[in-house]
Amino acid sequence: MDIKMKSIAFNLTDDEASTSSIDLTYQSFGTGEDVGNNMNCNVRLTSKDLTEEGQTLDDLSRKQADAIGRSVAAKWFAVVDIPVTSGATE
C-alpha cells in the first residue's frame, strides 16, 4: 500500500515565537488486490516525539517531520489488538 503524506501544518505558540506541534495527514487507497482497503491517519508531533538531543520542532524540515510521523504511525498500526470502533453491535 502506497501511503502518501497529504498535508502538513505547523502549529505555533500563542506568541508565535516557536512551533508547538506539527500535524501530518497520511492517506492511501488500495489498488489491485488491495482495492477497498483504504487508510487515513492524522499524526500530531510534539517535542516528546523528537529523538535528537537539543532538537526542536522548529528545526525540522518537511522530510524530517514526515519520517518521524511515519515512525509514530507505524507504532500505532503495529498493535495487534486494535479495538473495533465502528459502532457495530454483536
N, C-alpha and C. Protein backbone atom coordinates (compact mmCIF):
# COMPACT_ATOMS: atom_id res chain seq x y z
N MET A 1 0.85 -1.17 0.00
CA MET A 1 0.00 0.00 0.00
C MET A 1 0.90 1.24 0.00
N ASP A 2 0.66 2.13 -0.93
CA ASP A 2 1.44 3.36 -1.06
C ASP A 2 0.81 4.46 -0.20
N ILE A 3 1.45 4.77 0.92
CA ILE A 3 0.92 5.77 1.85
C ILE A 3 1.58 7.11 1.56
N LYS A 4 0.74 8.11 1.27
CA LYS A 4 1.25 9.45 0.92
C LYS A 4 0.94 10.44 2.03
N MET A 5 1.89 11.34 2.27
CA MET A 5 1.61 12.45 3.17
C MET A 5 0.81 13.47 2.36
N LYS A 6 -0.39 13.80 2.81
CA LYS A 6 -1.27 14.70 2.07
C LYS A 6 -1.22 16.14 2.58
N SER A 7 -0.84 16.34 3.85
CA SER A 7 -0.75 17.72 4.35
C SER A 7 0.16 17.77 5.57
N ILE A 8 0.67 18.97 5.81
CA ILE A 8 1.49 19.24 6.98
C ILE A 8 1.14 20.65 7.45
N ALA A 9 1.00 20.81 8.77
CA ALA A 9 0.67 22.13 9.34
C ALA A 9 1.51 22.34 10.59
N PHE A 10 2.17 23.47 10.64
CA PHE A 10 2.96 23.85 11.80
C PHE A 10 2.08 24.71 12.71
N ASN A 11 1.85 24.26 13.93
CA ASN A 11 1.05 24.99 14.90
C ASN A 11 1.98 25.79 15.80
N LEU A 12 1.70 27.08 15.93
CA LEU A 12 2.59 27.99 16.66
C LEU A 12 2.10 28.23 18.09
N THR A 13 3.03 28.61 18.95
CA THR A 13 2.67 29.02 20.30
C THR A 13 1.86 30.31 20.21
N ASP A 14 1.17 30.67 21.30
CA ASP A 14 0.31 31.86 21.29
C ASP A 14 1.07 33.12 20.89
N ASP A 15 2.33 33.22 21.28
CA ASP A 15 3.11 34.41 20.94
C ASP A 15 3.83 34.27 19.59
N GLU A 16 3.57 33.15 18.89
CA GLU A 16 4.15 32.86 17.57
C GLU A 16 5.67 32.81 17.59
N ALA A 17 6.23 32.54 18.76
CA ALA A 17 7.69 32.51 18.90
C ALA A 17 8.29 31.17 18.49
N SER A 18 7.49 30.09 18.54
CA SER A 18 8.01 28.78 18.19
C SER A 18 6.87 27.85 17.78
N THR A 19 7.25 26.69 17.26
CA THR A 19 6.28 25.68 16.85
C THR A 19 5.91 24.83 18.05
N SER A 20 4.61 24.73 18.34
CA SER A 20 4.16 23.92 19.48
C SER A 20 3.88 22.47 19.07
N SER A 21 3.47 22.27 17.82
CA SER A 21 3.22 20.91 17.30
C SER A 21 3.17 20.97 15.78
N ILE A 22 3.27 19.79 15.18
CA ILE A 22 3.17 19.67 13.72
C ILE A 22 2.14 18.59 13.43
N ASP A 23 1.12 18.94 12.64
CA ASP A 23 0.09 17.98 12.25
C ASP A 23 0.37 17.45 10.85
N LEU A 24 0.35 16.13 10.72
CA LEU A 24 0.59 15.46 9.43
C LEU A 24 -0.62 14.59 9.10
N THR A 25 -1.02 14.58 7.85
CA THR A 25 -2.12 13.73 7.40
C THR A 25 -1.60 12.77 6.34
N TYR A 26 -1.90 11.49 6.54
CA TYR A 26 -1.49 10.44 5.60
C TYR A 26 -2.73 9.78 5.02
N GLN A 27 -2.60 9.30 3.77
CA GLN A 27 -3.74 8.69 3.11
C GLN A 27 -3.25 7.66 2.11
N SER A 28 -4.03 6.60 1.98
CA SER A 28 -3.73 5.58 0.98
C SER A 28 -5.02 4.91 0.54
N PHE A 29 -5.13 4.67 -0.75
CA PHE A 29 -6.26 3.95 -1.30
C PHE A 29 -5.71 2.71 -1.98
N GLY A 30 -6.22 1.56 -1.57
CA GLY A 30 -5.74 0.30 -2.11
C GLY A 30 -5.99 0.17 -3.61
N THR A 31 -5.07 -0.50 -4.28
CA THR A 31 -5.22 -0.80 -5.71
C THR A 31 -4.96 -2.29 -5.92
N GLY A 32 -5.31 -2.78 -7.07
CA GLY A 32 -5.09 -4.20 -7.36
C GLY A 32 -5.80 -5.07 -6.35
N GLU A 33 -5.07 -5.98 -5.72
CA GLU A 33 -5.65 -6.88 -4.73
C GLU A 33 -6.08 -6.14 -3.46
N ASP A 34 -5.59 -4.91 -3.26
CA ASP A 34 -5.93 -4.13 -2.06
C ASP A 34 -7.09 -3.17 -2.27
N VAL A 35 -7.79 -3.24 -3.42
CA VAL A 35 -8.91 -2.34 -3.67
C VAL A 35 -9.92 -2.46 -2.53
N GLY A 36 -10.35 -1.33 -2.05
CA GLY A 36 -11.30 -1.31 -0.94
C GLY A 36 -10.64 -1.19 0.42
N ASN A 37 -9.35 -1.41 0.47
CA ASN A 37 -8.60 -1.24 1.72
C ASN A 37 -7.97 0.15 1.71
N ASN A 38 -8.54 1.05 2.47
CA ASN A 38 -8.09 2.44 2.50
C ASN A 38 -7.60 2.80 3.89
N MET A 39 -6.73 3.79 3.96
CA MET A 39 -6.18 4.21 5.23
C MET A 39 -6.08 5.72 5.28
N ASN A 40 -6.57 6.30 6.37
CA ASN A 40 -6.39 7.72 6.66
C ASN A 40 -5.82 7.81 8.06
N CYS A 41 -4.84 8.65 8.26
CA CYS A 41 -4.18 8.75 9.56
C CYS A 41 -3.72 10.18 9.79
N ASN A 42 -4.02 10.71 10.96
CA ASN A 42 -3.53 12.03 11.37
C ASN A 42 -2.56 11.84 12.53
N VAL A 43 -1.42 12.47 12.44
CA VAL A 43 -0.39 12.39 13.48
C VAL A 43 -0.05 13.81 13.93
N ARG A 44 -0.05 14.03 15.24
CA ARG A 44 0.40 15.32 15.78
C ARG A 44 1.74 15.09 16.47
N LEU A 45 2.78 15.69 15.92
CA LEU A 45 4.11 15.61 16.53
C LEU A 45 4.26 16.69 17.58
N THR A 46 4.83 16.32 18.70
CA THR A 46 5.19 17.28 19.74
C THR A 46 6.65 17.05 20.09
N SER A 47 7.18 17.87 20.95
CA SER A 47 8.60 17.75 21.30
C SER A 47 8.94 16.38 21.88
N LYS A 48 7.97 15.69 22.48
CA LYS A 48 8.24 14.35 23.03
C LYS A 48 8.55 13.32 21.95
N ASP A 49 8.20 13.61 20.70
CA ASP A 49 8.46 12.69 19.59
C ASP A 49 9.85 12.84 19.00
N LEU A 50 10.57 13.87 19.40
CA LEU A 50 11.90 14.12 18.85
C LEU A 50 12.92 13.20 19.51
N THR A 51 13.89 12.74 18.72
CA THR A 51 14.86 11.76 19.23
C THR A 51 16.27 12.32 19.38
N GLU A 52 16.55 13.45 18.73
CA GLU A 52 17.90 14.00 18.79
C GLU A 52 18.02 15.03 19.91
N GLU A 53 19.09 14.95 20.64
CA GLU A 53 19.39 15.87 21.75
C GLU A 53 19.37 17.32 21.28
N GLY A 54 18.61 18.17 21.96
CA GLY A 54 18.59 19.59 21.66
C GLY A 54 17.76 19.98 20.45
N GLN A 55 17.16 19.01 19.77
CA GLN A 55 16.36 19.29 18.58
C GLN A 55 15.01 19.89 19.00
N THR A 56 14.51 20.83 18.21
CA THR A 56 13.18 21.39 18.45
C THR A 56 12.32 21.19 17.21
N LEU A 57 11.03 21.37 17.35
CA LEU A 57 10.13 21.26 16.20
C LEU A 57 10.47 22.28 15.13
N ASP A 58 10.97 23.45 15.55
CA ASP A 58 11.36 24.48 14.58
C ASP A 58 12.53 24.04 13.71
N ASP A 59 13.32 23.07 14.18
CA ASP A 59 14.49 22.60 13.44
C ASP A 59 14.15 21.63 12.31
N LEU A 60 12.93 21.07 12.32
CA LEU A 60 12.59 20.00 11.39
C LEU A 60 12.25 20.50 10.00
N SER A 61 12.78 19.81 9.00
CA SER A 61 12.35 20.03 7.62
C SER A 61 11.08 19.21 7.40
N ARG A 62 10.44 19.42 6.27
CA ARG A 62 9.25 18.64 5.93
C ARG A 62 9.59 17.15 5.89
N LYS A 63 10.73 16.81 5.29
CA LYS A 63 11.12 15.41 5.17
C LYS A 63 11.41 14.79 6.54
N GLN A 64 12.02 15.54 7.44
CA GLN A 64 12.29 15.03 8.78
C GLN A 64 10.98 14.82 9.55
N ALA A 65 10.07 15.77 9.46
CA ALA A 65 8.77 15.64 10.12
C ALA A 65 8.02 14.43 9.57
N ASP A 66 8.08 14.23 8.26
CA ASP A 66 7.43 13.08 7.63
C ASP A 66 8.01 11.77 8.16
N ALA A 67 9.32 11.68 8.25
CA ALA A 67 9.96 10.45 8.75
C ALA A 67 9.54 10.16 10.18
N ILE A 68 9.51 11.17 11.03
CA ILE A 68 9.09 10.97 12.42
C ILE A 68 7.61 10.60 12.47
N GLY A 69 6.79 11.29 11.68
CA GLY A 69 5.36 10.99 11.64
C GLY A 69 5.07 9.57 11.21
N ARG A 70 5.77 9.09 10.20
CA ARG A 70 5.59 7.70 9.75
C ARG A 70 6.01 6.71 10.82
N SER A 71 7.06 7.04 11.56
CA SER A 71 7.52 6.17 12.65
C SER A 71 6.46 6.08 13.76
N VAL A 72 5.88 7.23 14.10
CA VAL A 72 4.82 7.25 15.13
C VAL A 72 3.63 6.42 14.67
N ALA A 73 3.18 6.63 13.43
CA ALA A 73 2.03 5.90 12.91
C ALA A 73 2.31 4.40 12.82
N ALA A 74 3.52 4.03 12.43
CA ALA A 74 3.88 2.61 12.32
C ALA A 74 3.76 1.91 13.67
N LYS A 75 4.12 2.61 14.74
CA LYS A 75 3.98 2.02 16.08
C LYS A 75 2.52 1.78 16.41
N TRP A 76 1.64 2.71 16.01
CA TRP A 76 0.21 2.52 16.27
C TRP A 76 -0.32 1.32 15.53
N PHE A 77 0.02 1.20 14.24
CA PHE A 77 -0.52 0.13 13.42
C PHE A 77 0.12 -1.22 13.72
N ALA A 78 1.21 -1.23 14.45
CA ALA A 78 1.86 -2.49 14.83
C ALA A 78 1.11 -3.18 15.97
N VAL A 79 0.21 -2.47 16.63
CA VAL A 79 -0.57 -3.04 17.73
C VAL A 79 -1.51 -4.10 17.16
N VAL A 80 -1.49 -5.27 17.78
CA VAL A 80 -2.30 -6.38 17.29
C VAL A 80 -3.77 -6.23 17.68
N ASP A 81 -4.04 -5.83 18.90
CA ASP A 81 -5.41 -5.75 19.41
C ASP A 81 -5.99 -4.36 19.23
N ILE A 82 -6.34 -4.00 18.00
CA ILE A 82 -6.95 -2.71 17.72
C ILE A 82 -8.44 -2.84 18.00
N PRO A 83 -8.98 -2.01 18.91
CA PRO A 83 -10.41 -2.13 19.24
C PRO A 83 -11.29 -1.70 18.06
N VAL A 84 -12.43 -2.36 17.95
CA VAL A 84 -13.40 -2.00 16.91
C VAL A 84 -14.20 -0.81 17.39
N THR A 85 -14.24 0.25 16.58
CA THR A 85 -14.96 1.47 16.98
C THR A 85 -16.01 1.86 15.95
N SER A 86 -16.47 0.90 15.17
CA SER A 86 -17.43 1.19 14.10
C SER A 86 -18.83 1.42 14.61
N GLY A 87 -19.08 1.09 15.88
CA GLY A 87 -20.41 1.23 16.43
C GLY A 87 -21.26 -0.01 16.20
N ALA A 88 -20.70 -1.02 15.55
CA ALA A 88 -21.44 -2.26 15.29
C ALA A 88 -21.65 -3.02 16.59
N THR A 89 -22.80 -3.64 16.71
CA THR A 89 -23.07 -4.46 17.89
C THR A 89 -23.15 -5.90 17.46
N GLU A 90 -22.91 -6.75 18.42
CA GLU A 90 -22.91 -8.20 18.10
C GLU A 90 -24.26 -8.80 18.30
